Amino acid sequence: MIEHSAEQVQTVMPAYEIEIGTEPLDQPARNSVGGWPFLDDDQPWPECFCGERLALYFQLDIPADVEPFGGDHLLVFHCRAHNEASDPPELTEGRLVPQYWNAPQPTCPRPFWRILLQRHATRPVDAEPSVCALPLTLRPFTDTPDDRGHGALTSKVGGAPFWCQEPEHYQCACGADLVYLCQIREDTEFAVHPGQPEQPHSFPGAYVLFLGNEVYVLACPDHCDPAAVWPVNQN
């Protein structure tokens, strides 16, 4: 793990709370749970190592003032059949290994998720078949850290993370320090259409991310690869 300087730790991005609506979507929306993923032209729909197409849990446009990711399009995919916590990959001379987004996990030959930061995602593709398509809204709010440096305990983009355990910081294989981008609350449920397979260790009629752990998305500020993103799990 790589510790940031005090200045980096105390810098707080503008914050946007993530709110999920209840009225189903009937057409593509760039901010959505499920729905129609907006992918770069050369980006295929990600697949799990098991061969199953990953489910789109949510996607959103990063607001312009959330630097260095303003204007990027974030997409979070996860396998329906494999539901585990993410474990940090090995480090090489203090850095994450090359293509750490494809590195083996303790119980899996490759990750069972894909998180993408797309920069030219202008066209939606086919609709996600499992997760119910719902609107997602980003509501700006003031995220003032407490005396421990913790921001609000909510699902949000930007702001200051509320670490359930000790803060985790990593260095990308390209040499840049990964930067905190967003936080997803533990046990966040993503409703699925009736008749879909149940996800192991989840809830009836819904899927979860990484066993329902608190998820902190860290990404490469240099955009060395659309998949240069690491999901930290804590509880």
Protein backbone atom coordinates (compact mmCIF):
# COMPACT_ATOMS: atom_id res chain seq x y z
CA MET A 1 0.00 0.00 0.00
CA ILE A 2 1.20 3.51 -0.82
CA GLU A 3 0.51 6.32 1.66
CA HIS A 4 -0.40 9.69 0.22
CA SER A 5 1.03 12.92 1.54
CA ALA A 6 -0.95 14.86 4.14
CA GLU A 7 -1.87 17.44 1.50
CA GLN A 8 -3.35 14.76 -0.77
CA VAL A 9 -5.33 13.17 2.06
CA GLN A 10 -6.86 16.50 3.15
CA THR A 11 -7.88 17.61 -0.33
CA VAL A 12 -11.63 17.11 -0.71
CA MET A 13 -13.35 16.93 -4.10
CA PRO A 14 -16.77 18.42 -4.75
CA ALA A 15 -19.37 15.85 -3.68
CA TYR A 16 -22.51 14.42 -5.27
CA GLU A 17 -24.84 12.02 -3.48
CA ILE A 18 -26.04 9.10 -5.61
CA GLU A 19 -29.82 8.71 -5.61
CA ILE A 20 -31.65 5.84 -7.33
CA GLY A 21 -35.16 6.47 -8.65
CA THR A 22 -38.10 4.09 -8.73
CA GLU A 23 -39.72 4.77 -12.11
CA PRO A 24 -38.38 2.24 -14.68
CA LEU A 25 -36.47 3.63 -17.64
CA ASP A 26 -37.80 2.89 -21.12
CA GLN A 27 -34.94 4.46 -23.08
CA PRO A 28 -31.17 4.93 -22.72
CA ALA A 29 -29.91 7.30 -20.02
CA ARG A 30 -26.28 8.04 -19.26
CA ASN A 31 -26.95 8.01 -15.51
CA SER A 32 -28.72 4.76 -14.69
CA VAL A 33 -28.89 1.58 -12.70
CA GLY A 34 -28.91 -1.19 -15.30
CA GLY A 35 -30.10 0.21 -18.61
CA TRP A 36 -28.17 0.70 -21.83
CA PRO A 37 -24.40 0.96 -21.24
CA PHE A 38 -22.60 3.78 -23.02
CA LEU A 39 -19.30 2.27 -24.18
CA ASP A 40 -16.43 3.52 -26.28
CA ASP A 41 -16.66 2.22 -29.84
CA ASP A 42 -13.74 -0.18 -29.34
CA GLN A 43 -14.94 -1.45 -25.94
CA PRO A 44 -16.89 -4.74 -26.03
CA TRP A 45 -19.35 -5.67 -23.30
CA PRO A 46 -17.11 -7.12 -20.54
CA GLU A 47 -17.27 -10.82 -19.71
CA CYS A 48 -16.43 -12.77 -16.55
CA PHE A 49 -13.71 -15.42 -16.55
CA CYS A 50 -16.58 -17.96 -16.42
CA GLY A 51 -17.68 -16.84 -19.89
CA GLU A 52 -20.88 -15.11 -18.73
CA ARG A 53 -21.46 -11.54 -19.81
CA LEU A 54 -21.12 -9.27 -16.79
CA ALA A 55 -24.21 -7.45 -15.58
CA LEU A 56 -24.25 -3.66 -15.74
CA TYR A 57 -25.03 -2.53 -12.19
CA PHE A 58 -24.83 1.20 -12.80
CA GLN A 59 -23.27 3.94 -14.92
CA LEU A 60 -22.91 7.68 -14.56
CA ASP A 61 -21.22 10.76 -15.99
CA ILE A 62 -18.61 12.19 -13.63
CA PRO A 63 -19.41 15.88 -13.01
CA ALA A 64 -16.94 18.31 -14.56
CA ASP A 65 -15.68 19.63 -11.21
CA VAL A 66 -14.71 16.20 -9.86
CA GLU A 67 -11.12 16.32 -11.06
CA PRO A 68 -9.17 14.58 -12.50
CA PHE A 69 -12.12 12.53 -13.75
CA GLY A 70 -14.57 15.26 -14.76
CA GLY A 71 -16.34 14.37 -18.01
CA ASP A 72 -15.49 10.65 -17.80
CA HIS A 73 -18.23 8.02 -17.95
CA LEU A 74 -18.07 5.43 -15.15
CA LEU A 75 -19.52 1.95 -15.66
CA VAL A 76 -19.60 -0.77 -12.99
CA PHE A 77 -20.11 -4.38 -14.14
CA HIS A 78 -20.24 -7.47 -11.88
CA CYS A 79 -20.87 -11.18 -12.40
CA ARG A 80 -24.23 -12.63 -11.35
CA ALA A 81 -22.74 -16.05 -10.60
CA HIS A 82 -19.56 -15.00 -8.76
CA ASN A 83 -19.98 -12.85 -5.69
CA GLU A 84 -16.91 -12.44 -3.49
CA ALA A 85 -14.95 -9.63 -1.89
CA SER A 86 -12.11 -8.13 -3.91
CA ASP A 87 -8.63 -8.77 -2.54
CA PRO A 88 -5.72 -6.43 -3.32
CA PRO A 89 -3.45 -7.86 -6.01
CA GLU A 90 0.25 -8.32 -5.46
CA LEU A 91 2.57 -5.35 -5.54
CA THR A 92 5.71 -5.08 -7.67
CA GLU A 93 8.27 -2.70 -6.18
CA GLY A 94 5.47 -0.91 -4.35
CA ARG A 95 3.15 -0.71 -7.35
CA LEU A 96 0.14 -2.73 -8.41
CA VAL A 97 1.11 -5.36 -10.96
CA PRO A 98 0.69 -4.58 -14.67
CA GLN A 99 -2.93 -5.01 -15.76
CA TYR A 100 -4.01 -5.49 -12.14
CA TRP A 101 -7.61 -5.28 -13.35
CA ASN A 102 -7.03 -8.74 -14.85
CA ALA A 103 -4.92 -10.15 -11.99
CA PRO A 104 -6.04 -13.40 -10.31
CA GLN A 105 -8.12 -13.32 -7.16
CA PRO A 106 -7.68 -15.87 -4.33
CA THR A 107 -10.65 -17.96 -5.47
CA CYS A 108 -10.84 -16.91 -9.13
CA PRO A 109 -8.38 -16.98 -12.04
CA ARG A 110 -9.40 -13.43 -12.96
CA PRO A 111 -11.64 -10.75 -11.46
CA PHE A 112 -15.40 -11.25 -11.69
CA TRP A 113 -16.03 -7.56 -12.28
CA ARG A 114 -15.00 -4.76 -14.59
CA ILE A 115 -15.05 -1.07 -13.75
CA LEU A 116 -14.45 1.29 -16.65
CA LEU A 117 -13.75 4.99 -17.00
CA GLN A 118 -14.61 5.71 -20.63
CA ARG A 119 -13.64 9.00 -22.25
CA HIS A 120 -15.46 8.75 -25.60
CA ALA A 121 -18.66 6.90 -24.64
CA THR A 122 -21.27 8.58 -26.85
CA ARG A 123 -23.37 5.65 -28.07
CA PRO A 124 -25.52 3.22 -26.03
CA VAL A 125 -25.45 -0.49 -26.80
CA ASP A 126 -27.98 -3.25 -26.02
CA ALA A 127 -29.92 -3.04 -22.78
CA GLU A 128 -28.75 -4.88 -19.65
CA PRO A 129 -31.12 -7.91 -19.44
CA SER A 130 -30.91 -8.77 -15.72
CA VAL A 131 -30.75 -5.58 -13.65
CA CYS A 132 -33.85 -3.38 -13.69
CA ALA A 133 -33.26 -0.10 -15.54
CA LEU A 134 -33.80 2.79 -13.12
CA PRO A 135 -32.82 6.47 -13.20
CA LEU A 136 -29.78 7.57 -11.22
CA THR A 137 -29.36 11.16 -10.06
CA LEU A 138 -26.31 12.97 -8.70
CA ARG A 139 -27.29 15.56 -6.09
CA PRO A 140 -24.55 18.05 -5.11
CA PHE A 141 -23.96 18.45 -1.38
CA THR A 142 -21.31 19.75 1.00
CA ASP A 143 -19.22 16.83 2.27
CA THR A 144 -17.33 18.23 5.26
CA PRO A 145 -14.80 15.75 6.74
CA ASP A 146 -14.92 15.10 10.48
CA ASP A 147 -11.88 15.23 12.77
CA ARG A 148 -10.76 11.85 11.42
CA GLY A 149 -11.00 13.04 7.81
CA HIS A 150 -14.15 11.00 7.13
CA GLY A 151 -16.82 12.40 4.86
CA ALA A 152 -20.51 11.51 4.88
CA LEU A 153 -21.40 7.82 5.08
CA THR A 154 -23.46 7.64 1.91
CA SER A 155 -23.21 6.55 -1.71
CA LYS A 156 -21.51 9.42 -3.49
CA VAL A 157 -19.19 10.61 -6.22
CA GLY A 158 -16.32 12.76 -5.00
CA GLY A 159 -16.20 14.22 -1.52
CA ALA A 160 -14.16 12.48 1.17
CA PRO A 161 -14.43 8.72 1.71
CA PHE A 162 -15.78 7.40 4.99
CA TRP A 163 -13.40 4.50 5.62
CA CYS A 164 -14.96 1.69 7.66
CA GLN A 165 -11.45 0.45 8.46
CA GLU A 166 -8.03 1.98 7.79
CA PRO A 167 -7.66 4.07 4.61
CA GLU A 168 -6.17 2.19 1.67
CA HIS A 169 -4.01 3.83 -0.99
CA TYR A 170 -2.38 2.17 -3.99
CA GLN A 171 -0.04 3.10 -6.80
CA CYS A 172 -1.03 2.19 -10.35
CA ALA A 173 1.33 0.07 -12.42
CA CYS A 174 1.97 3.19 -14.51
CA GLY A 175 3.39 4.96 -11.44
CA ALA A 176 0.50 7.32 -10.63
CA ASP A 177 -1.17 7.19 -7.22
CA LEU A 178 -4.73 5.92 -7.54
CA VAL A 179 -7.26 8.59 -6.57
CA TYR A 180 -10.51 8.02 -4.70
CA LEU A 181 -13.48 8.60 -7.01
CA CYS A 182 -16.67 7.29 -5.40
CA GLN A 183 -18.15 5.23 -2.56
CA ILE A 184 -21.06 2.77 -2.64
CA ARG A 185 -22.81 1.96 0.63
CA GLU A 186 -22.77 -1.59 1.95
CA ASP A 187 -25.76 -3.78 1.14
CA THR A 188 -26.84 -1.55 -1.75
CA GLU A 189 -29.35 -3.65 -3.67
CA PHE A 190 -29.70 -3.66 -7.45
CA ALA A 191 -33.17 -4.97 -8.30
CA VAL A 192 -33.41 -7.64 -11.00
CA HIS A 193 -36.19 -8.69 -13.33
CA PRO A 194 -38.38 -11.64 -12.24
CA GLY A 195 -37.06 -15.03 -13.30
CA GLN A 196 -33.38 -14.07 -13.22
CA PRO A 197 -30.91 -16.47 -11.54
CA GLU A 198 -30.29 -15.76 -7.87
CA GLN A 199 -26.87 -14.38 -7.02
CA PRO A 200 -24.97 -16.28 -4.30
CA HIS A 201 -24.83 -14.50 -0.91
CA SER A 202 -27.24 -11.81 -2.06
CA PHE A 203 -30.88 -10.84 -1.46
CA PRO A 204 -34.03 -12.28 -3.06
CA GLY A 205 -34.84 -10.34 -6.21
CA ALA A 206 -31.65 -8.28 -6.10
CA TYR A 207 -27.91 -8.42 -6.71
CA VAL A 208 -25.14 -6.80 -4.66
CA LEU A 209 -21.56 -5.71 -5.27
CA PHE A 210 -18.73 -7.69 -3.65
CA LEU A 211 -20.87 -9.53 -1.06
CA GLY A 212 -22.53 -6.25 -0.14
CA ASN A 213 -19.35 -4.71 1.31
CA GLU A 214 -18.71 -0.99 1.41
CA VAL A 215 -17.02 -0.23 -1.92
CA TYR A 216 -14.48 2.55 -2.58
CA VAL A 217 -13.58 3.08 -6.23
CA LEU A 218 -9.97 4.22 -6.78
CA ALA A 219 -8.88 5.14 -10.30
CA CYS A 220 -5.75 6.13 -12.18
CA PRO A 221 -5.68 9.92 -12.61
CA ASP A 222 -3.50 9.54 -15.71
CA HIS A 223 -6.10 7.37 -17.46
CA CYS A 224 -3.45 4.86 -18.49
CA ASP A 225 -6.23 2.36 -19.31
CA PRO A 226 -10.05 2.56 -19.12
CA ALA A 227 -9.92 -0.40 -16.70
CA ALA A 228 -7.19 1.09 -14.46
CA VAL A 229 -9.59 1.14 -11.52
CA TRP A 230 -9.47 -0.73 -8.21
CA PRO A 231 -12.49 -1.45 -5.95
CA VAL A 232 -11.52 -1.47 -2.27
CA ASN A 233 -13.92 -3.48 -0.05
CA GLN A 234 -14.39 -2.91 3.67
CA ASN A 235 -16.98 -3.67 6.31
